């Protein structure tokens, strides 16, 4: 009986430690996501623009055709 009680205590302690570790991992993951959001917020890529020389070449090629 004493052995079964000790084993049950060990199982309960292990489960409590498991759930505590999972809660800590979830909290740290949420914190990391929250810290990373400002670094990626409102980053818009610039519109690709053709350089002046390339634009002139394209216009000249269009006039020849």
N, C-alpha and C. Protein backbone atom coordinates (compact mmCIF):
# COMPACT_ATOMS: atom_id res chain seq x y z
N UNK A 1 0.83 -1.20 0.00
CA UNK A 1 0.00 0.00 0.00
C UNK A 1 0.87 1.25 0.00
N UNK A 2 1.93 1.20 0.78
CA UNK A 2 2.83 2.35 0.87
C UNK A 2 3.53 2.60 -0.47
N UNK A 3 3.85 1.51 -1.17
CA UNK A 3 4.51 1.62 -2.48
C UNK A 3 3.56 2.24 -3.50
N UNK A 4 2.32 1.84 -3.47
CA UNK A 4 1.34 2.39 -4.41
C UNK A 4 1.10 3.88 -4.15
N UNK A 5 1.10 4.27 -2.89
CA UNK A 5 0.91 5.67 -2.54
C UNK A 5 2.11 6.50 -3.00
N UNK A 6 3.30 5.96 -2.83
CA UNK A 6 4.50 6.65 -3.30
C UNK A 6 4.52 6.79 -4.82
N UNK A 7 4.09 5.71 -5.51
CA UNK A 7 4.04 5.75 -6.97
C UNK A 7 3.00 6.76 -7.45
N UNK A 8 1.84 6.80 -6.80
CA UNK A 8 0.79 7.76 -7.16
C UNK A 8 1.28 9.19 -6.93
N UNK A 9 2.00 9.40 -5.84
CA UNK A 9 2.56 10.74 -5.60
C UNK A 9 3.57 11.13 -6.66
N UNK A 10 4.38 10.17 -7.09
CA UNK A 10 5.35 10.44 -8.15
C UNK A 10 4.66 10.78 -9.47
N UNK A 11 3.60 10.05 -9.79
CA UNK A 11 2.85 10.30 -11.03
C UNK A 11 2.21 11.68 -10.98
N UNK A 12 1.59 12.02 -9.87
CA UNK A 12 0.94 13.33 -9.75
C UNK A 12 1.97 14.46 -9.82
N UNK A 13 3.10 14.27 -9.16
CA UNK A 13 4.16 15.28 -9.20
C UNK A 13 4.68 15.46 -10.63
N UNK A 14 4.83 14.35 -11.35
CA UNK A 14 5.31 14.42 -12.73
C UNK A 14 4.31 15.15 -13.63
N UNK A 15 3.03 14.86 -13.45
CA UNK A 15 2.00 15.52 -14.26
C UNK A 15 1.94 17.02 -13.96
N UNK A 16 2.05 17.38 -12.69
CA UNK A 16 2.05 18.81 -12.34
C UNK A 16 3.25 19.51 -12.97
N UNK A 17 4.42 18.85 -12.93
CA UNK A 17 5.62 19.44 -13.55
C UNK A 17 5.46 19.56 -15.06
N UNK A 18 4.82 18.57 -15.68
CA UNK A 18 4.59 18.60 -17.13
C UNK A 18 3.70 19.79 -17.50
N UNK A 19 2.60 19.95 -16.78
CA UNK A 19 1.68 21.05 -17.09
C UNK A 19 2.32 22.41 -16.78
N UNK A 20 3.15 22.48 -15.77
CA UNK A 20 3.85 23.72 -15.48
C UNK A 20 4.83 24.06 -16.59
N UNK A 21 5.53 23.06 -17.11
CA UNK A 21 6.46 23.29 -18.21
C UNK A 21 5.72 23.72 -19.47
N UNK A 22 4.58 23.11 -19.74
CA UNK A 22 3.79 23.50 -20.92
C UNK A 22 3.26 24.93 -20.79
N UNK A 23 2.82 25.29 -19.60
CA UNK A 23 2.33 26.66 -19.39
C UNK A 23 3.47 27.67 -19.56
N UNK A 24 4.64 27.34 -19.04
CA UNK A 24 5.79 28.24 -19.19
C UNK A 24 6.19 28.37 -20.65
N UNK A 25 6.17 27.26 -21.38
CA UNK A 25 6.52 27.30 -22.80
C UNK A 25 5.52 28.15 -23.58
N UNK A 26 4.23 28.00 -23.29
CA UNK A 26 3.21 28.79 -23.98
C UNK A 26 3.37 30.27 -23.66
N UNK A 27 3.67 30.59 -22.41
CA UNK A 27 3.85 32.00 -22.03
C UNK A 27 5.07 32.60 -22.72
N UNK A 28 6.15 31.84 -22.79
CA UNK A 28 7.36 32.35 -23.47
C UNK A 28 7.13 32.50 -24.97
N UNK A 29 6.37 31.58 -25.57
CA UNK A 29 6.07 31.69 -26.99
C UNK A 29 5.22 32.92 -27.28
N UNK A 30 4.23 33.18 -26.44
CA UNK A 30 3.42 34.39 -26.61
C UNK A 30 4.27 35.65 -26.46
N UNK A 31 5.19 35.63 -25.50
CA UNK A 31 6.05 36.79 -25.29
C UNK A 31 6.96 37.02 -26.49
N UNK A 32 7.49 35.96 -27.07
CA UNK A 32 8.37 36.10 -28.23
C UNK A 32 7.60 36.65 -29.43
N UNK A 33 6.37 36.17 -29.62
CA UNK A 33 5.56 36.67 -30.73
C UNK A 33 5.23 38.14 -30.51
N UNK A 34 4.91 38.51 -29.28
CA UNK A 34 4.61 39.91 -28.98
C UNK A 34 5.83 40.80 -29.18
N UNK A 35 7.00 40.30 -28.86
CA UNK A 35 8.22 41.09 -29.07
C UNK A 35 8.59 41.21 -30.53
N UNK A 36 8.24 40.22 -31.32
CA UNK A 36 8.60 40.25 -32.75
C UNK A 36 7.63 41.08 -33.57
N UNK A 37 6.42 41.32 -33.11
CA UNK A 37 5.44 42.07 -33.89
C UNK A 37 5.89 43.48 -34.25
N UNK A 38 6.45 44.27 -33.34
CA UNK A 38 6.85 45.62 -33.73
C UNK A 38 7.92 45.64 -34.81
N UNK A 39 8.74 44.62 -34.88
CA UNK A 39 9.80 44.58 -35.88
C UNK A 39 9.26 44.33 -37.28
N UNK A 40 8.09 43.70 -37.37
CA UNK A 40 7.55 43.38 -38.69
C UNK A 40 6.32 44.22 -39.03
N UNK A 41 5.89 45.09 -38.14
CA UNK A 41 4.67 45.85 -38.38
C UNK A 41 4.92 46.99 -39.38
N UNK A 42 3.98 47.16 -40.27
CA UNK A 42 3.96 48.29 -41.20
C UNK A 42 5.21 48.38 -42.06
N UNK A 43 5.63 47.27 -42.60
CA UNK A 43 6.73 47.29 -43.57
C UNK A 43 6.15 47.04 -44.94
N UNK A 44 6.12 48.06 -45.72
CA UNK A 44 5.61 47.93 -47.08
C UNK A 44 6.78 48.00 -48.04
N UNK A 45 6.79 47.12 -49.00
CA UNK A 45 7.87 47.15 -49.97
C UNK A 45 7.62 48.31 -50.94
N UNK A 46 8.71 48.93 -51.33
CA UNK A 46 8.60 50.06 -52.24
C UNK A 46 8.18 49.56 -53.62
N UNK A 47 7.45 50.39 -54.32
CA UNK A 47 7.03 50.02 -55.66
C UNK A 47 8.27 49.96 -56.56
N UNK A 48 8.37 48.91 -57.34
CA UNK A 48 9.52 48.84 -58.25
C UNK A 48 9.39 49.89 -59.34
N UNK A 49 10.41 50.68 -59.51
CA UNK A 49 10.39 51.72 -60.52
C UNK A 49 11.52 51.49 -61.51
N UNK A 50 11.23 51.77 -62.74
CA UNK A 50 12.24 51.62 -63.79
C UNK A 50 13.15 52.84 -63.74
N UNK A 51 14.42 52.60 -63.84
CA UNK A 51 15.39 53.69 -63.82
C UNK A 51 15.20 54.56 -65.07
N UNK A 52 15.68 55.77 -65.00
CA UNK A 52 15.49 56.73 -66.09
C UNK A 52 16.05 56.20 -67.42
N UNK A 53 17.24 55.64 -67.39
CA UNK A 53 17.84 55.13 -68.63
C UNK A 53 17.04 53.98 -69.22
N UNK A 54 16.57 53.09 -68.37
CA UNK A 54 15.79 51.95 -68.85
C UNK A 54 14.47 52.43 -69.45
N UNK A 55 13.89 53.45 -68.85
CA UNK A 55 12.63 54.00 -69.38
C UNK A 55 12.86 54.61 -70.76
N UNK A 56 13.95 55.32 -70.93
CA UNK A 56 14.25 55.92 -72.24
C UNK A 56 14.49 54.85 -73.29
N UNK A 57 15.18 53.80 -72.93
CA UNK A 57 15.43 52.71 -73.88
C UNK A 57 14.11 52.06 -74.27
N UNK A 58 13.23 51.84 -73.32
CA UNK A 58 11.94 51.22 -73.61
C UNK A 58 11.10 52.10 -74.53
N UNK A 59 11.13 53.41 -74.28
CA UNK A 59 10.36 54.32 -75.15
C UNK A 59 10.94 54.34 -76.56
N UNK A 60 12.26 54.36 -76.68
CA UNK A 60 12.89 54.36 -78.01
C UNK A 60 12.58 53.07 -78.74
N UNK A 61 12.61 51.94 -78.04
CA UNK A 61 12.32 50.67 -78.67
C UNK A 61 10.85 50.63 -79.12
N UNK A 62 9.96 51.22 -78.35
CA UNK A 62 8.56 51.25 -78.70
C UNK A 62 8.30 52.10 -79.94
N UNK A 63 9.06 53.19 -80.09
CA UNK A 63 8.87 54.06 -81.25
C UNK A 63 9.37 53.40 -82.53
N UNK A 64 10.41 52.58 -82.41
CA UNK A 64 10.97 51.91 -83.59
C UNK A 64 10.02 50.86 -84.13
N UNK A 65 9.34 50.18 -83.27
CA UNK A 65 8.43 49.11 -83.71
C UNK A 65 7.26 49.72 -84.31
